[in-house]
């Protein structure tokens, strides 16, 4: 669903190098307190796989200083129609409100289906995330890839003492190709959270 009225939501090509550096300094040294995914409520597609997770709407990471790192898919980017944005305040209420607006619109227009809903799930205690809860972030990187000359947010890399979590934008995977992804191509429409870099090396992402 489109998420509008995010005045502080920014796609990477709308940020200046100075503002990115300022955000980085505010985040490094903080600990992760909670992680929530917002995903489409597909009945036949899980989000957890060995070494990675798939998320299609938002990732909300709450830090120890009550700051947030939110990776949110927006349909109203002024230059690209849709892409992932970063949002540094608690975005959950805005996501839920916009979700309901979208559901109401689909019902009125006769396009509503059970899969139209998204759902928020706390993944802080999942096997993949639980070892990072309470751990200090030692570095954060924002990487981009270009489409038609415009740089889009492609990777958010969170580093800890000896491990790394990569949140990457990718083309929507084919359900029949899972749990083994046959290829990973960049597209700002889907998200893969990677806990094992061997997966990305296999597909020449790294």
N, C-alpha and C. Protein backbone atom coordinates (compact mmCIF):
# COMPACT_ATOMS: atom_id res chain seq x y z
N UNK A 1 0.83 -1.18 0.00
CA UNK A 1 0.00 0.00 0.00
C UNK A 1 0.87 1.25 0.00
N UNK A 2 0.42 2.29 -0.64
CA UNK A 2 1.16 3.54 -0.62
C UNK A 2 1.17 4.11 0.78
N UNK A 3 2.26 4.70 1.17
CA UNK A 3 2.38 5.33 2.48
C UNK A 3 2.72 6.79 2.23
N UNK A 4 1.78 7.67 2.47
CA UNK A 4 2.01 9.08 2.18
C UNK A 4 2.17 9.86 3.47
N UNK A 5 2.42 11.17 3.33
CA UNK A 5 2.57 12.08 4.46
C UNK A 5 3.76 11.73 5.34
N UNK A 6 4.77 11.12 4.79
CA UNK A 6 6.01 10.86 5.51
C UNK A 6 6.96 12.03 5.21
N UNK A 7 6.79 13.13 5.92
CA UNK A 7 7.58 14.31 5.61
C UNK A 7 9.07 14.07 5.80
N UNK A 8 9.41 13.17 6.72
CA UNK A 8 10.82 12.91 6.99
C UNK A 8 11.34 11.66 6.29
N UNK A 9 10.50 11.04 5.48
CA UNK A 9 10.94 9.87 4.75
C UNK A 9 11.74 10.31 3.54
N UNK A 10 12.86 9.68 3.33
CA UNK A 10 13.76 10.13 2.27
C UNK A 10 14.33 8.96 1.50
N UNK A 11 14.29 9.05 0.21
CA UNK A 11 14.99 8.08 -0.60
C UNK A 11 16.44 8.54 -0.67
N UNK A 12 17.34 7.63 -0.91
CA UNK A 12 18.76 7.94 -0.79
C UNK A 12 19.17 9.04 -1.78
N UNK A 13 18.51 9.12 -2.96
CA UNK A 13 18.91 10.13 -3.92
C UNK A 13 18.37 11.52 -3.57
N UNK A 14 17.57 11.59 -2.50
CA UNK A 14 17.10 12.89 -2.03
C UNK A 14 17.92 13.39 -0.85
N UNK A 15 18.80 12.56 -0.33
CA UNK A 15 19.64 12.95 0.80
C UNK A 15 20.94 13.55 0.30
N UNK A 16 21.50 14.43 1.11
CA UNK A 16 22.83 14.95 0.82
C UNK A 16 23.85 14.09 1.55
N UNK A 17 25.10 14.15 1.10
CA UNK A 17 26.15 13.38 1.75
C UNK A 17 26.28 13.79 3.22
N UNK A 18 26.05 15.07 3.50
CA UNK A 18 26.17 15.56 4.87
C UNK A 18 25.10 14.95 5.76
N UNK A 19 23.85 14.89 5.28
CA UNK A 19 22.78 14.34 6.11
C UNK A 19 22.95 12.85 6.33
N UNK A 20 23.44 12.13 5.32
CA UNK A 20 23.70 10.70 5.49
C UNK A 20 24.78 10.50 6.54
N UNK A 21 25.84 11.30 6.49
CA UNK A 21 26.93 11.18 7.45
C UNK A 21 26.44 11.51 8.86
N UNK A 22 25.56 12.49 8.99
CA UNK A 22 25.01 12.86 10.29
C UNK A 22 24.18 11.72 10.86
N UNK A 23 23.36 11.08 10.04
CA UNK A 23 22.56 9.95 10.49
C UNK A 23 23.46 8.80 10.94
N UNK A 24 24.52 8.58 10.17
CA UNK A 24 25.44 7.49 10.50
C UNK A 24 26.06 7.71 11.87
N UNK A 25 26.49 8.93 12.16
CA UNK A 25 27.11 9.21 13.45
C UNK A 25 26.13 9.04 14.60
N UNK A 26 24.84 9.32 14.35
CA UNK A 26 23.83 9.17 15.40
C UNK A 26 23.51 7.71 15.67
N UNK A 27 23.68 6.85 14.68
CA UNK A 27 23.29 5.44 14.79
C UNK A 27 24.42 4.58 15.34
N UNK A 28 25.65 4.83 14.90
CA UNK A 28 26.79 4.01 15.34
C UNK A 28 26.95 4.13 16.86
N UNK A 29 27.08 3.01 17.52
CA UNK A 29 27.20 2.97 18.97
C UNK A 29 25.90 2.65 19.68
N UNK A 30 24.77 2.76 18.98
CA UNK A 30 23.48 2.40 19.55
C UNK A 30 23.30 0.87 19.48
N UNK A 31 22.41 0.37 20.31
CA UNK A 31 22.10 -1.06 20.28
C UNK A 31 20.70 -1.27 19.69
N UNK A 32 20.50 -2.42 19.10
CA UNK A 32 19.19 -2.78 18.56
C UNK A 32 18.32 -3.34 19.69
N UNK A 33 17.13 -2.76 19.86
CA UNK A 33 16.23 -3.18 20.93
C UNK A 33 15.06 -4.02 20.42
N UNK A 34 14.62 -3.75 19.20
CA UNK A 34 13.45 -4.48 18.67
C UNK A 34 13.46 -4.39 17.15
N UNK A 35 12.98 -5.45 16.51
CA UNK A 35 12.86 -5.46 15.05
C UNK A 35 11.47 -5.97 14.68
N UNK A 36 10.79 -5.21 13.82
CA UNK A 36 9.48 -5.62 13.35
C UNK A 36 9.46 -5.58 11.83
N UNK A 37 8.87 -6.61 11.21
CA UNK A 37 8.64 -6.63 9.78
C UNK A 37 7.18 -6.29 9.50
N UNK A 38 6.94 -5.60 8.40
CA UNK A 38 5.59 -5.44 7.87
C UNK A 38 5.57 -6.16 6.53
N UNK A 39 4.77 -7.19 6.43
CA UNK A 39 4.77 -8.03 5.23
C UNK A 39 3.34 -8.25 4.76
N UNK A 40 3.20 -8.51 3.47
CA UNK A 40 1.89 -8.87 2.93
C UNK A 40 1.46 -10.20 3.54
N UNK A 41 0.19 -10.31 3.84
CA UNK A 41 -0.30 -11.49 4.55
C UNK A 41 -0.60 -12.63 3.57
N UNK A 42 0.43 -13.02 2.82
CA UNK A 42 0.26 -14.14 1.92
C UNK A 42 0.09 -15.43 2.73
N UNK A 43 -0.87 -16.24 2.32
CA UNK A 43 -1.13 -17.46 3.06
C UNK A 43 -0.15 -18.58 2.73
N UNK A 44 0.48 -18.48 1.57
CA UNK A 44 1.29 -19.60 1.10
C UNK A 44 2.77 -19.25 0.95
N UNK A 45 3.21 -18.14 1.54
CA UNK A 45 4.62 -17.77 1.38
C UNK A 45 5.21 -17.37 2.73
N UNK A 46 6.12 -18.16 3.27
CA UNK A 46 6.77 -17.78 4.53
C UNK A 46 7.77 -16.64 4.29
N UNK A 47 8.26 -16.04 5.36
CA UNK A 47 9.26 -14.98 5.21
C UNK A 47 10.63 -15.42 5.71
N UNK A 48 10.71 -16.52 6.45
CA UNK A 48 11.99 -16.97 6.99
C UNK A 48 12.56 -18.13 6.17
N UNK A 49 13.82 -17.98 5.79
CA UNK A 49 14.53 -19.04 5.07
C UNK A 49 15.91 -19.18 5.70
N UNK A 50 16.62 -20.21 5.34
CA UNK A 50 17.92 -20.47 5.92
C UNK A 50 18.94 -19.42 5.46
N UNK A 51 19.32 -18.53 6.35
CA UNK A 51 20.33 -17.52 6.03
C UNK A 51 19.76 -16.19 5.56
N UNK A 52 18.43 -16.12 5.30
CA UNK A 52 17.85 -14.86 4.86
C UNK A 52 16.35 -14.82 5.16
N UNK A 53 15.82 -13.59 5.18
CA UNK A 53 14.38 -13.36 5.30
C UNK A 53 13.92 -12.54 4.11
N UNK A 54 12.65 -12.65 3.76
CA UNK A 54 12.04 -11.85 2.70
C UNK A 54 10.97 -10.95 3.30
N UNK A 55 11.03 -9.67 2.96
CA UNK A 55 10.09 -8.68 3.48
C UNK A 55 9.69 -7.77 2.32
N UNK A 56 8.39 -7.43 2.23
CA UNK A 56 7.98 -6.66 1.06
C UNK A 56 7.43 -5.28 1.36
N UNK A 57 7.23 -4.90 2.62
CA UNK A 57 6.65 -3.59 2.89
C UNK A 57 7.55 -2.71 3.75
N UNK A 58 7.98 -3.20 4.92
CA UNK A 58 8.80 -2.34 5.78
C UNK A 58 9.57 -3.17 6.79
N UNK A 59 10.69 -2.62 7.21
CA UNK A 59 11.47 -3.16 8.33
C UNK A 59 11.64 -2.01 9.32
N UNK A 60 11.20 -2.21 10.55
CA UNK A 60 11.26 -1.17 11.58
C UNK A 60 12.21 -1.63 12.68
N UNK A 61 13.32 -0.93 12.84
CA UNK A 61 14.34 -1.29 13.82
C UNK A 61 14.41 -0.19 14.88
N UNK A 62 14.07 -0.56 16.11
CA UNK A 62 14.11 0.41 17.22
C UNK A 62 15.46 0.31 17.92
N UNK A 63 16.11 1.47 18.11
CA UNK A 63 17.42 1.54 18.72
C UNK A 63 17.33 1.94 20.18
N UNK A 64 18.47 1.89 20.87
CA UNK A 64 18.48 2.12 22.31
C UNK A 64 18.20 3.56 22.68
N UNK A 65 18.40 4.52 21.80
CA UNK A 65 18.15 5.92 22.13
C UNK A 65 16.79 6.39 21.63
N UNK A 66 15.88 5.42 21.41
CA UNK A 66 14.54 5.68 20.87
C UNK A 66 14.57 6.24 19.46
N UNK A 67 15.70 6.14 18.80
CA UNK A 67 15.78 6.45 17.38
C UNK A 67 15.39 5.19 16.62
N UNK A 68 15.02 5.36 15.38
CA UNK A 68 14.60 4.24 14.55
C UNK A 68 15.37 4.25 13.24
N UNK A 69 15.56 3.06 12.69
CA UNK A 69 15.94 2.92 11.29
C UNK A 69 14.78 2.17 10.64
N UNK A 70 14.03 2.84 9.80
CA UNK A 70 12.91 2.21 9.11
C UNK A 70 13.22 2.17 7.61
N UNK A 71 13.08 1.01 7.04
CA UNK A 71 13.28 0.78 5.61
C UNK A 71 11.88 0.53 5.06
N UNK A 72 11.32 1.51 4.36
CA UNK A 72 9.90 1.48 4.03
C UNK A 72 9.69 1.65 2.53
N UNK A 73 8.86 0.78 1.96
CA UNK A 73 8.54 0.88 0.54
C UNK A 73 7.42 1.89 0.35
N UNK A 74 7.67 2.91 -0.46
CA UNK A 74 6.68 3.95 -0.73
C UNK A 74 6.34 3.98 -2.21
N UNK A 75 5.08 4.21 -2.51
CA UNK A 75 4.64 4.28 -3.90
C UNK A 75 4.63 5.70 -4.45
N UNK A 76 4.94 6.68 -3.60
CA UNK A 76 4.77 8.06 -4.05
C UNK A 76 6.08 8.83 -4.12
N UNK A 77 7.15 8.15 -4.47
CA UNK A 77 8.41 8.86 -4.68
C UNK A 77 8.26 9.81 -5.87
N UNK A 78 8.66 11.07 -5.72
CA UNK A 78 8.40 12.05 -6.78
C UNK A 78 9.17 11.81 -8.07
N UNK A 79 10.26 11.05 -8.00
CA UNK A 79 11.07 10.85 -9.19
C UNK A 79 10.97 9.44 -9.76
N UNK A 80 10.42 8.50 -8.99
CA UNK A 80 10.50 7.11 -9.44
C UNK A 80 9.22 6.32 -9.23
N UNK A 81 8.17 6.93 -8.71
CA UNK A 81 6.88 6.28 -8.46
C UNK A 81 6.92 5.36 -7.24
N UNK A 82 7.96 4.54 -7.12
CA UNK A 82 8.07 3.69 -5.95
C UNK A 82 9.53 3.35 -5.71
N UNK A 83 9.89 3.20 -4.46
CA UNK A 83 11.22 2.72 -4.09
C UNK A 83 11.28 2.65 -2.57
N UNK A 84 12.39 2.15 -2.04
CA UNK A 84 12.57 2.11 -0.60
C UNK A 84 13.12 3.43 -0.10
N UNK A 85 12.61 3.86 1.06
CA UNK A 85 13.03 5.08 1.72
C UNK A 85 13.53 4.74 3.13
N UNK A 86 14.30 5.64 3.69
CA UNK A 86 14.70 5.55 5.09
C UNK A 86 13.86 6.53 5.89
N UNK A 87 13.46 6.10 7.08
CA UNK A 87 12.65 6.95 7.93
C UNK A 87 13.18 6.77 9.35
N UNK A 88 13.49 7.89 10.03
CA UNK A 88 14.25 7.81 11.27
C UNK A 88 13.42 8.06 12.53
N UNK A 89 12.11 8.02 12.41
CA UNK A 89 11.23 8.08 13.57
C UNK A 89 10.32 6.86 13.54
N UNK A 90 9.55 6.67 14.59
CA UNK A 90 8.67 5.50 14.65
C UNK A 90 7.61 5.61 13.55
N UNK A 91 7.70 4.75 12.56
CA UNK A 91 6.81 4.83 11.39
C UNK A 91 5.63 3.88 11.48
N UNK A 92 5.51 3.14 12.56
CA UNK A 92 4.51 2.07 12.59
C UNK A 92 3.07 2.60 12.53
N UNK A 93 2.78 3.68 13.24
CA UNK A 93 1.43 4.23 13.19
C UNK A 93 1.07 4.71 11.79
N UNK A 94 2.03 5.37 11.13
CA UNK A 94 1.79 5.85 9.77
C UNK A 94 1.58 4.69 8.81
N UNK A 95 2.35 3.62 8.99
CA UNK A 95 2.19 2.43 8.14
C UNK A 95 0.82 1.82 8.35
N UNK A 96 0.41 1.67 9.61
CA UNK A 96 -0.89 1.07 9.90
C UNK A 96 -2.04 1.93 9.38
N UNK A 97 -1.93 3.25 9.52
CA UNK A 97 -2.98 4.15 9.05
C UNK A 97 -3.11 4.08 7.54
N UNK A 98 -1.97 4.10 6.85
CA UNK A 98 -2.00 4.07 5.39
C UNK A 98 -2.49 2.71 4.89
N UNK A 99 -2.16 1.66 5.62
CA UNK A 99 -2.64 0.32 5.28
C UNK A 99 -4.17 0.30 5.30
N UNK A 100 -4.75 0.86 6.35
CA UNK A 100 -6.21 0.85 6.46
C UNK A 100 -6.86 1.68 5.36
N UNK A 101 -6.24 2.81 5.02
CA UNK A 101 -6.76 3.63 3.93
C UNK A 101 -6.75 2.84 2.62
N UNK A 102 -5.67 2.08 2.41
CA UNK A 102 -5.57 1.28 1.19
C UNK A 102 -6.60 0.17 1.15
N UNK A 103 -6.84 -0.49 2.30
CA UNK A 103 -7.84 -1.55 2.38
C UNK A 103 -9.23 -0.98 2.09
N UNK A 104 -9.54 0.16 2.71
CA UNK A 104 -10.85 0.79 2.48
C UNK A 104 -11.04 1.13 1.00
N UNK A 105 -9.97 1.62 0.37
CA UNK A 105 -10.06 1.96 -1.06
C UNK A 105 -10.33 0.72 -1.89
N UNK A 106 -9.62 -0.38 -1.59
CA UNK A 106 -9.80 -1.60 -2.36
C UNK A 106 -11.20 -2.18 -2.19
N UNK A 107 -11.72 -2.08 -0.97
CA UNK A 107 -13.09 -2.56 -0.73
C UNK A 107 -14.09 -1.74 -1.54
N UNK A 108 -13.94 -0.41 -1.52
CA UNK A 108 -14.87 0.45 -2.26
C UNK A 108 -14.80 0.21 -3.76
N UNK A 109 -13.59 -0.11 -4.25
CA UNK A 109 -13.40 -0.28 -5.68
C UNK A 109 -13.63 -1.71 -6.14
N UNK A 110 -13.92 -2.61 -5.19
CA UNK A 110 -14.19 -3.99 -5.56
C UNK A 110 -12.94 -4.81 -5.86
N UNK A 111 -11.77 -4.31 -5.46
CA UNK A 111 -10.50 -4.99 -5.74
C UNK A 111 -9.93 -5.70 -4.52
N UNK A 112 -10.67 -5.67 -3.42
CA UNK A 112 -10.15 -6.26 -2.18
C UNK A 112 -10.07 -7.78 -2.28
N UNK A 113 -8.96 -8.34 -1.78
CA UNK A 113 -8.80 -9.79 -1.62
C UNK A 113 -8.19 -10.03 -0.24
N UNK A 114 -8.28 -11.24 0.28
CA UNK A 114 -7.65 -11.51 1.59
C UNK A 114 -6.15 -11.20 1.61
N UNK A 115 -5.47 -11.31 0.45
CA UNK A 115 -4.04 -11.02 0.39
C UNK A 115 -3.74 -9.53 0.41
N UNK A 116 -4.79 -8.67 0.39
CA UNK A 116 -4.56 -7.23 0.37
C UNK A 116 -3.99 -6.70 1.69
N UNK A 117 -4.16 -7.44 2.74
CA UNK A 117 -3.69 -7.00 4.06
C UNK A 117 -2.18 -7.19 4.20
N UNK A 118 -1.58 -6.30 4.95
CA UNK A 118 -0.23 -6.52 5.46
C UNK A 118 -0.34 -6.83 6.94
N UNK A 119 0.70 -7.39 7.51
CA UNK A 119 0.70 -7.66 8.94
C UNK A 119 2.06 -7.32 9.52
N UNK A 120 2.05 -6.83 10.75
CA UNK A 120 3.29 -6.54 11.45
C UNK A 120 3.64 -7.69 12.36
N UNK A 121 4.88 -8.13 12.30
CA UNK A 121 5.33 -9.24 13.15
C UNK A 121 6.63 -8.86 13.82
N UNK A 122 6.73 -9.14 15.10
CA UNK A 122 7.95 -8.89 15.87
C UNK A 122 8.89 -10.07 15.64
N UNK A 123 10.06 -9.79 15.06
CA UNK A 123 11.01 -10.86 14.76
C UNK A 123 12.23 -10.80 15.68
N UNK A 124 12.13 -10.01 16.76
CA UNK A 124 13.27 -9.81 17.66
C UNK A 124 13.78 -11.12 18.25
N UNK A 125 12.87 -12.07 18.49
CA UNK A 125 13.27 -13.33 19.11
C UNK A 125 13.45 -14.45 18.09
N UNK A 126 13.41 -14.11 16.80
CA UNK A 126 13.66 -15.14 15.78
C UNK A 126 15.10 -15.61 15.88
N UNK A 127 15.37 -16.79 15.37
CA UNK A 127 16.72 -17.34 15.45
C UNK A 127 17.75 -16.42 14.80
N UNK A 128 17.36 -15.74 13.72
CA UNK A 128 18.30 -14.90 12.99
C UNK A 128 18.61 -13.60 13.71
N UNK A 129 17.60 -12.97 14.32
CA UNK A 129 17.77 -11.64 14.91
C UNK A 129 18.17 -11.66 16.38
N UNK A 130 17.82 -12.68 17.12
CA UNK A 130 17.94 -12.61 18.58
C UNK A 130 19.38 -12.39 19.05
N UNK A 131 20.37 -12.86 18.29
CA UNK A 131 21.74 -12.65 18.74
C UNK A 131 22.21 -11.21 18.55
N UNK A 132 21.44 -10.41 17.78
CA UNK A 132 21.81 -9.02 17.56
C UNK A 132 21.08 -8.06 18.49
N UNK A 133 20.04 -8.52 19.15
CA UNK A 133 19.31 -7.67 20.09
C UNK A 133 20.23 -7.32 21.26
N UNK A 134 20.35 -6.03 21.55
CA UNK A 134 21.24 -5.58 22.62
C UNK A 134 22.68 -5.41 22.20
N UNK A 135 22.99 -5.71 20.94
CA UNK A 135 24.37 -5.58 20.45
C UNK A 135 24.59 -4.19 19.84
N UNK A 136 25.78 -3.63 20.07
CA UNK A 136 26.10 -2.31 19.54
C UNK A 136 26.38 -2.36 18.04
N UNK A 137 25.86 -1.37 17.35
CA UNK A 137 26.17 -1.20 15.93
C UNK A 137 27.51 -0.50 15.83
N UNK A 138 28.46 -1.14 15.16
CA UNK A 138 29.80 -0.56 15.02
C UNK A 138 29.97 0.24 13.74
N UNK A 139 29.09 0.00 12.76
CA UNK A 139 29.16 0.76 11.51
C UNK A 139 27.84 0.59 10.77
N UNK A 140 27.50 1.56 9.94
CA UNK A 140 26.33 1.46 9.09
C UNK A 140 26.69 2.07 7.74
N UNK A 141 26.29 1.41 6.67
CA UNK A 141 26.56 1.89 5.31
C UNK A 141 25.26 1.92 4.52
N UNK A 142 25.15 2.91 3.64
CA UNK A 142 24.04 3.02 2.71
C UNK A 142 24.63 2.94 1.30
N UNK A 143 24.24 1.93 0.53
CA UNK A 143 24.74 1.78 -0.83
C UNK A 143 23.62 2.04 -1.82
N UNK A 144 23.99 2.42 -3.03
CA UNK A 144 23.00 2.71 -4.06
C UNK A 144 23.33 1.98 -5.35
N UNK A 145 22.31 1.80 -6.16
CA UNK A 145 22.46 1.34 -7.53
C UNK A 145 21.62 2.27 -8.40
N UNK A 146 22.03 2.45 -9.64
CA UNK A 146 21.35 3.41 -10.51
C UNK A 146 20.37 2.74 -11.47
N UNK A 147 19.23 3.40 -11.66
CA UNK A 147 18.28 3.06 -12.71
C UNK A 147 18.02 4.32 -13.50
N UNK A 148 18.32 4.29 -14.79
CA UNK A 148 18.15 5.47 -15.64
C UNK A 148 18.87 6.68 -15.07
N UNK A 149 20.04 6.44 -14.52
CA UNK A 149 20.86 7.53 -14.01
C UNK A 149 20.51 8.00 -12.62
N UNK A 150 19.45 7.46 -12.01
CA UNK A 150 19.03 7.88 -10.66
C UNK A 150 19.51 6.84 -9.65
N UNK A 151 20.25 7.27 -8.62
CA UNK A 151 20.69 6.31 -7.60
C UNK A 151 19.58 5.98 -6.62
N UNK A 152 19.30 4.70 -6.46
CA UNK A 152 18.29 4.22 -5.51
C UNK A 152 18.96 3.47 -4.38
N UNK A 153 18.34 3.52 -3.22
CA UNK A 153 18.85 2.78 -2.08
C UNK A 153 18.82 1.29 -2.40
N UNK A 154 19.97 0.65 -2.35
CA UNK A 154 20.05 -0.78 -2.67
C UNK A 154 20.43 -1.62 -1.47
N UNK A 155 21.28 -1.10 -0.60
CA UNK A 155 21.78 -1.87 0.54
C UNK A 155 21.84 -1.00 1.79
N UNK A 156 21.40 -1.54 2.89
CA UNK A 156 21.62 -0.97 4.21
C UNK A 156 22.42 -2.02 4.97
N UNK A 157 23.64 -1.69 5.35
CA UNK A 157 24.53 -2.67 5.96
C UNK A 157 24.79 -2.29 7.41
N UNK A 158 24.39 -3.15 8.33
CA UNK A 158 24.62 -2.96 9.76
C UNK A 158 25.74 -3.88 10.19
N UNK A 159 26.80 -3.29 10.74
CA UNK A 159 27.95 -4.08 11.19
C UNK A 159 28.02 -4.12 12.71
N UNK A 160 28.42 -5.27 13.22
CA UNK A 160 28.61 -5.49 14.64
C UNK A 160 30.04 -5.95 14.83
N UNK A 161 30.42 -6.41 15.99
CA UNK A 161 31.83 -6.74 16.23
C UNK A 161 32.37 -7.76 15.23
N UNK A 162 31.63 -8.81 15.01
CA UNK A 162 32.14 -9.86 14.13
C UNK A 162 31.14 -10.32 13.09
N UNK A 163 29.99 -9.64 13.01
CA UNK A 163 28.97 -10.08 12.07
C UNK A 163 28.34 -8.88 11.36
N UNK A 164 27.65 -9.19 10.27
CA UNK A 164 27.03 -8.15 9.46
C UNK A 164 25.62 -8.59 9.07
N UNK A 165 24.69 -7.64 9.09
CA UNK A 165 23.36 -7.85 8.54
C UNK A 165 23.20 -6.94 7.34
N UNK A 166 22.77 -7.48 6.23
CA UNK A 166 22.56 -6.69 5.03
C UNK A 166 21.08 -6.69 4.67
N UNK A 167 20.52 -5.50 4.51
CA UNK A 167 19.15 -5.35 4.01
C UNK A 167 19.28 -4.85 2.59
N UNK A 168 18.81 -5.63 1.62
CA UNK A 168 19.02 -5.28 0.22
C UNK A 168 17.69 -5.22 -0.53
N UNK A 169 17.63 -4.32 -1.49
CA UNK A 169 16.47 -4.22 -2.37
C UNK A 169 16.69 -5.14 -3.55
N UNK A 170 15.65 -5.88 -3.92
CA UNK A 170 15.81 -6.86 -4.98
C UNK A 170 14.51 -7.01 -5.75
N UNK A 171 14.61 -7.66 -6.89
CA UNK A 171 13.44 -8.00 -7.69
C UNK A 171 12.60 -9.02 -6.92
N UNK A 172 11.28 -8.95 -7.08
CA UNK A 172 10.42 -9.87 -6.36
C UNK A 172 10.74 -11.31 -6.75
N UNK A 173 11.04 -12.16 -5.77
CA UNK A 173 11.40 -13.55 -6.10
C UNK A 173 10.18 -14.36 -6.52
N UNK A 174 10.44 -15.34 -7.34
CA UNK A 174 9.39 -16.26 -7.75
C UNK A 174 9.15 -17.28 -6.64
N UNK A 175 7.91 -17.42 -6.19
CA UNK A 175 7.64 -18.38 -5.11
C UNK A 175 8.14 -19.79 -5.42
N UNK A 176 8.06 -20.18 -6.69
CA UNK A 176 8.48 -21.53 -7.06
C UNK A 176 10.00 -21.71 -6.97
N UNK A 177 10.73 -20.58 -6.90
CA UNK A 177 12.19 -20.66 -6.85
C UNK A 177 12.69 -20.74 -5.41
N UNK A 178 11.80 -20.63 -4.45
CA UNK A 178 12.19 -20.66 -3.04
C UNK A 178 12.03 -22.08 -2.49
N UNK A 179 12.81 -22.47 -1.47
CA UNK A 179 13.70 -21.62 -0.69
C UNK A 179 15.04 -21.31 -1.32
N UNK A 180 15.38 -21.92 -2.47
CA UNK A 180 16.63 -21.59 -3.15
C UNK A 180 16.35 -20.49 -4.16
N UNK A 181 16.94 -19.31 -3.97
CA UNK A 181 16.77 -18.23 -4.95
C UNK A 181 17.68 -18.51 -6.14
N UNK A 182 17.10 -18.48 -7.32
CA UNK A 182 17.88 -18.82 -8.51
C UNK A 182 18.70 -17.65 -9.02
N UNK A 183 18.28 -16.42 -8.73
CA UNK A 183 19.07 -15.25 -9.11
C UNK A 183 18.64 -14.09 -8.24
N UNK A 184 19.55 -13.15 -8.04
CA UNK A 184 19.25 -11.94 -7.27
C UNK A 184 19.54 -10.75 -8.15
N UNK A 185 18.51 -10.02 -8.55
CA UNK A 185 18.67 -8.83 -9.37
C UNK A 185 18.15 -7.63 -8.59
N UNK A 186 18.79 -6.48 -8.79
CA UNK A 186 18.37 -5.28 -8.08
C UNK A 186 17.07 -4.72 -8.66
N UNK A 187 16.16 -4.37 -7.79
CA UNK A 187 14.94 -3.65 -8.13
C UNK A 187 14.39 -3.12 -6.81
N UNK A 188 13.97 -1.87 -6.73
CA UNK A 188 13.54 -1.32 -5.44
C UNK A 188 12.11 -1.70 -5.08
N UNK A 189 11.74 -2.97 -5.21
CA UNK A 189 10.36 -3.38 -4.95
C UNK A 189 10.25 -4.48 -3.90
N UNK A 190 11.31 -5.13 -3.52
CA UNK A 190 11.25 -6.22 -2.56
C UNK A 190 12.49 -6.15 -1.68
N UNK A 191 12.46 -6.80 -0.54
CA UNK A 191 13.59 -6.74 0.39
C UNK A 191 14.03 -8.12 0.82
N UNK A 192 15.33 -8.29 0.88
CA UNK A 192 15.93 -9.51 1.41
C UNK A 192 16.84 -9.10 2.57
N UNK A 193 16.64 -9.69 3.73
CA UNK A 193 17.51 -9.47 4.89
C UNK A 193 18.46 -10.65 4.96
N UNK A 194 19.74 -10.36 4.81
CA UNK A 194 20.73 -11.44 4.64
C UNK A 194 21.60 -11.54 5.89
N UNK A 195 21.66 -12.73 6.45
CA UNK A 195 22.47 -12.99 7.63
C UNK A 195 23.70 -13.84 7.29
N UNK A 196 23.82 -14.23 6.03
CA UNK A 196 24.94 -15.07 5.58
C UNK A 196 25.41 -14.54 4.23
N UNK A 197 26.57 -13.89 4.20
CA UNK A 197 27.08 -13.29 2.97
C UNK A 197 27.35 -14.29 1.87
N UNK A 198 27.48 -15.57 2.22
CA UNK A 198 27.74 -16.59 1.20
C UNK A 198 26.62 -16.62 0.17
N UNK A 199 25.40 -16.30 0.60
CA UNK A 199 24.26 -16.27 -0.32
C UNK A 199 24.47 -15.21 -1.39
N UNK A 200 24.91 -14.02 -0.97
CA UNK A 200 25.11 -12.92 -1.92
C UNK A 200 26.33 -13.16 -2.80
N UNK A 201 27.36 -13.75 -2.26
CA UNK A 201 28.55 -14.06 -3.06
C UNK A 201 28.21 -15.08 -4.15
N UNK A 202 27.35 -16.01 -3.81
CA UNK A 202 26.92 -17.03 -4.77
C UNK A 202 26.26 -16.39 -5.99
N UNK A 203 25.55 -15.27 -5.76
CA UNK A 203 24.83 -14.60 -6.83
C UNK A 203 25.53 -13.35 -7.32
N UNK A 204 26.83 -13.21 -6.98
CA UNK A 204 27.66 -12.10 -7.45
C UNK A 204 27.13 -10.72 -7.03
N UNK A 205 26.42 -10.69 -5.88
CA UNK A 205 25.98 -9.39 -5.35
C UNK A 205 27.15 -8.68 -4.67
N UNK A 206 28.07 -9.46 -4.08
CA UNK A 206 29.24 -8.90 -3.41
C UNK A 206 30.47 -9.06 -4.27
